[in-house]
């Protein structure tokens, strides 16, 4: 799956929600607009009625504000179900969001994800307002390397091209030749036509790519704090306890996890696998909320959840999205000199395989 636009169909149609008896009259929105009448029926598998009592009025208000502000919400697969299914106009992995950001017609983009994703959206939409509901929503991978580190690598390995995982700051992207995501990393590396490539910053993704290509990969020592916590022994134990379990793992996981997985792929490819194959029982070795979001879309599939939360993704909430739309802050701004060079790296990534 690449991108789903307007996943919560009918966001601007006549509203509805669980009956007042589900969670009390006080929880009912004042107006019956901007809330899909069938939304709670779809998400009740992963959102309890008491939580929906809080979420429903916020979803309604955000959808109204989006219309008033001429705004769209881009949400990563790791966002919570009330954001992903309730207010997002475009959902997907990093590559999907980057590609779709280019064609977003709204004047305002709200990025429900982490900081580097908002920077990427701004790089591709320099004349638009890009809002990041919480500027502290970072990424352990992005924090593991700086532009100065990349310059030092170029001195150490003269003439060797640098591929930067999109999970990096604009400052790092500006020092690299091309970006990639977990979904197109191998394709990007091979598109350079070189014998050696510096690949940063995720060492586990670098190891995975090295196993898929004849190109020599020079890695950086960063890692994702969500995926690095999984172990092969843990996943094997789940597989032993659950008959007919299909294990899907993200390539940011350690090699012993990938070894015991039935399928390895980006978040988009994991979603696509579940949608197309419809396994009886599945374990997604990635961030927790992704299982919840796919469970809404595939109610016939049973999900086993030994997941890990991303503390940065969870900094984004409906309340913060609402506040961001009201104030049109915090805004993402990038130094023009940095942005020009970083934009080239992102645009080259998007062009690969187009």
Protein backbone atom coordinates (compact mmCIF):
# COMPACT_ATOMS: atom_id res chain seq x y z
CA UNK A 1 0.00 0.00 0.00
CA UNK A 2 1.37 3.40 -0.88
CA UNK A 3 -1.01 6.13 0.13
CA UNK A 4 -4.63 6.18 1.15
CA UNK A 5 -6.27 9.56 0.68
CA UNK A 6 -9.28 10.47 2.81
CA UNK A 7 -9.15 7.10 4.55
CA UNK A 8 -11.94 8.16 6.87
CA UNK A 9 -14.46 8.63 4.11
CA UNK A 10 -17.14 11.24 4.60
CA UNK A 11 -15.23 13.41 7.04
CA UNK A 12 -17.16 16.43 5.81
CA UNK A 13 -20.53 14.71 5.58
CA UNK A 14 -23.37 14.53 8.05
CA UNK A 15 -22.02 13.34 11.36
CA UNK A 16 -22.76 10.51 13.65
CA UNK A 17 -21.15 8.72 16.58
CA UNK A 18 -21.96 5.99 19.06
CA UNK A 19 -25.29 6.58 20.75
CA UNK A 20 -25.42 8.76 23.84
CA UNK A 21 -25.94 5.65 25.92
CA UNK A 22 -22.47 4.48 24.85
CA UNK A 23 -20.64 7.22 26.67
CA UNK A 24 -23.05 9.87 27.95
CA UNK A 25 -24.67 12.97 26.51
CA UNK A 26 -21.76 15.19 27.53
CA UNK A 27 -19.54 13.50 24.99
CA UNK A 28 -21.77 14.31 22.02
CA UNK A 29 -20.50 16.99 19.61
CA UNK A 30 -22.65 20.12 19.57
CA UNK A 31 -23.02 19.95 15.79
CA UNK A 32 -23.64 16.96 13.59
CA UNK A 33 -21.09 17.89 10.95
CA UNK A 34 -17.49 16.85 10.35
CA UNK A 35 -17.78 13.39 11.91
CA UNK A 36 -18.28 10.31 9.75
CA UNK A 37 -21.36 8.45 11.02
CA UNK A 38 -19.71 5.08 10.44
CA UNK A 39 -16.32 5.93 11.89
CA UNK A 40 -16.77 4.52 15.37
CA UNK A 41 -18.15 1.25 14.02
CA UNK A 42 -14.87 0.85 12.15
CA UNK A 43 -12.51 1.79 14.97
CA UNK A 44 -14.33 0.34 17.99
CA UNK A 45 -12.13 -2.75 17.75
CA UNK A 46 -9.17 -0.62 18.88
CA UNK A 47 -10.75 2.41 20.62
CA UNK A 48 -12.89 1.76 23.73
CA UNK A 49 -16.13 3.77 24.15
CA UNK A 50 -14.74 5.81 27.06
CA UNK A 51 -11.79 6.94 24.93
CA UNK A 52 -14.08 7.70 22.01
CA UNK A 53 -16.04 10.04 24.29
CA UNK A 54 -12.92 12.20 24.42
CA UNK A 55 -11.83 11.76 20.81
CA UNK A 56 -15.11 12.35 18.94
CA UNK A 57 -15.53 16.10 19.70
CA UNK A 58 -11.86 16.72 18.91
CA UNK A 59 -12.11 14.86 15.60
CA UNK A 60 -15.13 16.92 14.69
CA UNK A 61 -13.44 20.21 15.56
CA UNK A 62 -10.22 19.33 13.72
CA UNK A 63 -12.10 18.42 10.56
CA UNK A 64 -13.92 21.76 10.74
CA UNK A 65 -10.65 23.63 11.28
CA UNK A 66 -9.03 21.83 8.34
CA UNK A 67 -11.75 23.16 6.08
CA UNK A 68 -11.47 26.68 7.48
CA UNK A 69 -7.68 26.75 7.28
CA UNK A 70 -7.46 24.98 3.90
CA UNK A 71 -5.34 22.34 5.58
CA UNK A 72 -4.57 18.66 5.18
CA UNK A 73 -3.24 16.25 7.78
CA UNK A 74 -0.49 13.83 6.74
CA UNK A 75 -0.23 10.95 9.21
CA UNK A 76 2.43 8.28 9.47
CA UNK A 77 1.45 4.62 9.93
CA UNK A 78 2.62 4.82 13.55
CA UNK A 79 0.05 7.41 14.58
CA UNK A 80 -2.75 6.38 16.93
CA UNK A 81 -6.05 5.18 15.39
CA UNK A 82 -8.03 8.29 16.33
CA UNK A 83 -5.56 10.38 14.30
CA UNK A 84 -4.93 7.88 11.52
CA UNK A 85 -8.59 7.05 10.91
CA UNK A 86 -10.25 10.14 12.35
CA UNK A 87 -8.51 13.23 10.94
CA UNK A 88 -5.81 12.13 8.47
CA UNK A 89 -6.33 12.98 4.81
CA UNK A 90 -3.19 11.17 3.66
CA UNK A 91 -1.58 8.23 5.43
CA UNK A 92 1.42 6.04 4.70
CA UNK A 93 5.10 5.43 5.34
CA UNK A 94 7.83 8.07 4.97
CA UNK A 95 8.17 7.58 1.21
CA UNK A 96 4.43 7.70 0.61
CA UNK A 97 4.03 10.87 2.65
CA UNK A 98 6.98 12.51 0.88
CA UNK A 99 5.54 11.70 -2.54
CA UNK A 100 2.04 12.82 -1.67
CA UNK A 101 3.25 16.03 -0.02
CA UNK A 102 4.42 17.20 -3.45
CA UNK A 103 0.87 17.16 -4.82
CA UNK A 104 -0.95 18.45 -1.73
CA UNK A 105 -3.10 21.36 -2.90
CA UNK A 106 -3.95 22.77 0.52
CA UNK A 107 -2.24 25.92 1.81
CA UNK A 108 -1.45 24.29 5.16
CA UNK A 109 0.10 20.88 5.86
CA UNK A 110 -0.11 19.39 9.34
CA UNK A 111 2.41 16.60 9.83
CA UNK A 112 1.26 13.98 12.31
CA UNK A 113 4.54 12.18 12.66
CA UNK A 114 8.01 13.21 13.77
CA UNK A 115 10.18 16.24 13.10
CA UNK A 116 12.21 14.96 10.13
CA UNK A 117 8.96 14.14 8.31
CA UNK A 118 7.72 17.70 8.77
CA UNK A 119 11.06 19.00 7.49
CA UNK A 120 10.73 16.77 4.43
CA UNK A 121 7.24 18.11 3.76
CA UNK A 122 8.56 21.67 4.04
CA UNK A 123 11.47 20.91 1.70
CA UNK A 124 8.99 19.79 -0.93
CA UNK A 125 6.52 22.59 -0.22
CA UNK A 126 8.67 25.65 0.54
CA UNK A 127 5.83 28.12 -0.09
CA UNK A 128 3.29 26.37 2.13
CA UNK A 129 2.77 26.50 5.87
CA UNK A 130 3.94 23.23 7.39
CA UNK A 131 2.86 22.68 10.99
CA UNK A 132 4.44 20.30 13.48
CA UNK A 133 2.05 19.89 16.44
CA UNK A 134 4.94 19.12 18.82
CA UNK A 135 8.48 20.17 17.91
CA UNK A 136 9.85 17.73 20.48
CA UNK A 137 8.63 14.75 18.44
CA UNK A 138 12.05 13.62 17.30
CA UNK A 139 13.74 10.40 16.21
CA UNK A 140 16.66 8.44 17.64
CA UNK A 141 17.99 7.83 14.14
CA UNK A 142 17.88 11.50 13.18
CA UNK A 143 19.59 12.37 16.46
CA UNK A 144 22.42 9.91 15.85
CA UNK A 145 24.17 11.88 13.09
CA UNK A 146 24.88 15.48 12.08
CA UNK A 147 25.89 17.28 8.92
CA UNK A 148 29.40 17.56 10.33
CA UNK A 149 29.51 13.76 10.69
CA UNK A 150 28.65 13.36 7.02
CA UNK A 151 31.36 15.81 5.99
CA UNK A 152 33.86 13.80 8.04
CA UNK A 153 32.75 10.59 6.31
CA UNK A 154 33.35 12.19 2.91
CA UNK A 155 36.91 13.05 3.96
CA UNK A 156 37.46 9.50 5.16
CA UNK A 157 35.94 7.92 2.04
CA UNK A 158 36.69 10.37 -0.81
CA UNK A 159 34.53 9.94 -3.88
CA UNK A 160 32.13 7.44 -2.24
CA UNK A 161 28.48 8.55 -2.60
CA UNK A 162 26.36 9.01 0.52
CA UNK A 163 22.84 7.62 0.85
CA UNK A 164 20.84 9.04 3.75
CA UNK A 165 17.83 7.28 5.16
CA UNK A 166 14.96 9.78 5.17
CA UNK A 167 15.00 9.51 9.00
CA UNK A 168 17.56 12.32 9.13
CA UNK A 169 17.56 16.08 9.63
CA UNK A 170 17.56 18.57 6.76
CA UNK A 171 21.13 19.44 7.77
CA UNK A 172 22.19 15.84 7.10
CA UNK A 173 20.18 15.55 3.90
CA UNK A 174 21.95 18.65 2.60
CA UNK A 175 25.31 16.85 2.88
CA UNK A 176 24.23 13.66 1.09
CA UNK A 177 23.79 12.62 -2.52
CA UNK A 178 20.37 11.00 -2.27
CA UNK A 179 17.83 9.94 0.34
CA UNK A 180 15.99 6.65 0.66
CA UNK A 181 13.38 4.94 2.80
CA UNK A 182 13.23 1.35 3.97
CA UNK A 183 10.89 0.70 1.05
CA UNK A 184 13.29 1.77 -1.70
CA UNK A 185 16.73 1.57 -0.03
CA UNK A 186 18.09 -1.25 -2.19
CA UNK A 187 16.75 0.36 -5.36
CA UNK A 188 18.31 3.71 -4.45
CA UNK A 189 21.70 2.17 -3.64
CA UNK A 190 21.80 0.28 -6.92
CA UNK A 191 20.63 3.32 -8.90
CA UNK A 192 23.98 5.00 -8.19
CA UNK A 193 25.93 2.44 -10.22
CA UNK A 194 28.83 2.39 -7.74
CA UNK A 195 30.81 -0.39 -6.09
CA UNK A 196 30.75 1.26 -2.65
CA UNK A 197 28.16 3.41 -0.89
CA UNK A 198 28.08 5.12 2.49
CA UNK A 199 24.69 4.31 4.04
CA UNK A 200 23.42 6.17 7.08
CA UNK A 201 22.31 6.32 9.81
CA UNK A 202 20.59 2.97 10.61
CA UNK A 203 23.10 0.14 10.99
CA UNK A 204 20.44 -2.58 10.89
CA UNK A 205 18.85 -1.27 7.71
CA UNK A 206 22.37 -0.97 6.28
CA UNK A 207 23.02 -4.63 7.11
CA UNK A 208 19.73 -5.63 5.49
CA UNK A 209 20.56 -3.66 2.33
CA UNK A 210 24.04 -5.19 2.24
CA UNK A 211 22.44 -8.62 2.15
CA UNK A 212 20.27 -7.65 -0.82
CA UNK A 213 22.91 -6.13 -3.11
CA UNK A 214 26.46 -6.68 -4.35
CA UNK A 215 27.30 -3.03 -3.59
CA UNK A 216 29.64 -2.66 -0.59
CA UNK A 217 27.79 -0.84 2.17
CA UNK A 218 29.70 1.40 4.59
CA UNK A 219 27.33 1.83 7.55
CA UNK A 220 26.82 4.36 10.32
CA UNK A 221 26.15 3.12 13.86
CA UNK A 222 22.66 4.57 14.47
CA UNK A 223 19.59 2.54 15.39
CA UNK A 224 15.86 2.98 15.93
CA UNK A 225 14.97 2.87 19.63
CA UNK A 226 11.70 1.09 18.81
CA UNK A 227 12.96 -1.66 16.53
CA UNK A 228 16.29 -2.35 18.27
CA UNK A 229 14.45 -3.62 21.37
CA UNK A 230 13.00 -6.65 19.59
CA UNK A 231 14.96 -9.92 19.75
CA UNK A 232 14.84 -13.05 17.66
CA UNK A 233 14.30 -15.18 20.77
CA UNK A 234 11.27 -13.10 21.75
CA UNK A 235 9.69 -13.40 18.30
CA UNK A 236 10.43 -17.14 18.13
CA UNK A 237 8.70 -17.60 21.47
CA UNK A 238 5.56 -15.89 20.17
CA UNK A 239 5.65 -18.04 17.04
CA UNK A 240 5.89 -21.20 19.18
CA UNK A 241 2.86 -20.17 21.25
CA UNK A 242 0.61 -19.15 18.35
CA UNK A 243 -0.27 -21.66 15.65
CA UNK A 244 -0.56 -20.32 12.09
CA UNK A 245 1.28 -17.12 13.01
CA UNK A 246 2.79 -15.06 10.18
CA UNK A 247 5.63 -12.78 11.29
CA UNK A 248 6.29 -9.56 9.39
CA UNK A 249 9.36 -7.55 10.42
CA UNK A 250 10.67 -4.10 9.61
CA UNK A 251 14.27 -4.02 8.28
CA UNK A 252 15.26 -1.63 11.09
CA UNK A 253 15.07 -4.67 13.40
CA UNK A 254 18.24 -6.58 14.40
CA UNK A 255 19.37 -9.41 12.09
CA UNK A 256 18.26 -12.18 14.48
CA UNK A 257 14.70 -10.83 14.25
CA UNK A 258 14.76 -10.71 10.45
CA UNK A 259 16.09 -14.26 10.38
CA UNK A 260 12.98 -15.67 12.08
CA UNK A 261 10.48 -13.47 10.18
CA UNK A 262 8.32 -14.81 7.36
CA UNK A 263 8.48 -11.48 5.55
CA UNK A 264 10.72 -8.41 5.82
CA UNK A 265 9.63 -5.05 4.45
CA UNK A 266 8.84 -1.41 5.00
CA UNK A 267 5.68 -0.40 6.84
CA UNK A 268 3.93 0.13 3.51
CA UNK A 269 4.89 -3.35 2.30
CA UNK A 270 3.84 -4.91 5.60
CA UNK A 271 0.43 -3.26 5.26
CA UNK A 272 0.19 -4.41 1.65
CA UNK A 273 1.07 -7.97 2.68
CA UNK A 274 -1.75 -8.13 5.24
CA UNK A 275 -4.28 -6.59 2.86
CA UNK A 276 -3.45 -8.95 0.01
CA UNK A 277 -2.57 -12.20 1.81
CA UNK A 278 -5.06 -11.95 4.69
CA UNK A 279 -3.09 -14.25 7.06
CA UNK A 280 -5.16 -15.92 9.77
CA UNK A 281 -2.93 -14.53 12.51
CA UNK A 282 -0.16 -11.96 12.11
CA UNK A 283 2.56 -10.35 14.20
CA UNK A 284 3.87 -6.99 12.97
CA UNK A 285 7.34 -6.48 14.43
CA UNK A 286 7.20 -2.70 14.51
CA UNK A 287 5.54 0.19 16.37
CA UNK A 288 2.33 -0.64 18.29
CA UNK A 289 -0.17 1.69 16.63
CA UNK A 290 0.45 0.25 13.19
CA UNK A 291 -1.13 -3.03 14.27
CA UNK A 292 -4.18 -1.14 15.54
CA UNK A 293 -4.52 0.80 12.29
CA UNK A 294 -4.25 -2.26 10.06
CA UNK A 295 -6.62 -4.19 12.35
CA UNK A 296 -9.30 -1.59 11.58
CA UNK A 297 -8.82 -2.16 7.86
CA UNK A 298 -8.57 -5.97 8.13
CA UNK A 299 -11.09 -7.09 10.78
CA UNK A 300 -10.85 -10.71 9.63
CA UNK A 301 -7.16 -10.93 10.66
CA UNK A 302 -6.09 -11.64 14.24
CA UNK A 303 -3.18 -9.49 15.42
CA UNK A 304 -0.64 -10.65 18.02
CA UNK A 305 1.00 -7.59 19.58
CA UNK A 306 4.48 -7.85 21.15
CA UNK A 307 4.99 -4.26 19.99
CA UNK A 308 7.06 -1.33 21.22
CA UNK A 309 5.79 2.25 21.46
CA UNK A 310 7.60 5.15 19.82
CA UNK A 311 7.63 7.89 22.49
CA UNK A 312 8.13 10.55 19.82
CA UNK A 313 5.17 9.54 17.65
CA UNK A 314 3.01 9.48 20.75
CA UNK A 315 3.76 13.16 21.44
CA UNK A 316 1.31 13.94 18.62
CA UNK A 317 -2.27 14.02 19.90
CA UNK A 318 -5.64 15.24 18.70
CA UNK A 319 -5.45 18.10 21.17
CA UNK A 320 -2.09 19.26 19.82
CA UNK A 321 -3.30 18.98 16.23
CA UNK A 322 -6.32 21.14 17.10
CA UNK A 323 -4.15 23.74 18.86
CA UNK A 324 -1.76 23.79 15.91
CA UNK A 325 -4.59 24.46 13.47
CA UNK A 326 -6.02 27.21 15.65
CA UNK A 327 -2.72 29.08 16.07
CA UNK A 328 -1.04 27.94 12.83
CA UNK A 329 2.02 27.12 14.92
CA UNK A 330 4.57 25.65 15.44
CA UNK A 331 5.77 26.19 11.89
CA UNK A 332 8.68 24.38 10.27
CA UNK A 333 11.29 26.74 8.85
CA UNK A 334 14.54 25.66 7.19
CA UNK A 335 17.53 27.82 6.29
CA UNK A 336 17.21 28.42 2.52
CA UNK A 337 20.84 27.47 1.86
CA UNK A 338 20.37 24.15 3.64
CA UNK A 339 16.93 23.59 2.13
CA UNK A 340 18.10 23.94 -1.46
CA UNK A 341 20.70 21.19 -1.09
CA UNK A 342 18.52 18.94 1.07
CA UNK A 343 15.64 19.24 -1.38
CA UNK A 344 17.80 17.82 -4.17
CA UNK A 345 18.50 14.68 -2.13
CA UNK A 346 14.81 14.15 -1.41
CA UNK A 347 13.73 14.83 -4.99
CA UNK A 348 16.29 12.33 -6.28
CA UNK A 349 14.82 9.73 -3.90
CA UNK A 350 11.29 10.39 -5.13
CA UNK A 351 12.41 10.12 -8.76
CA UNK A 352 13.86 6.62 -8.28
CA UNK A 353 11.32 4.08 -9.44
CA UNK A 354 8.75 6.68 -10.35
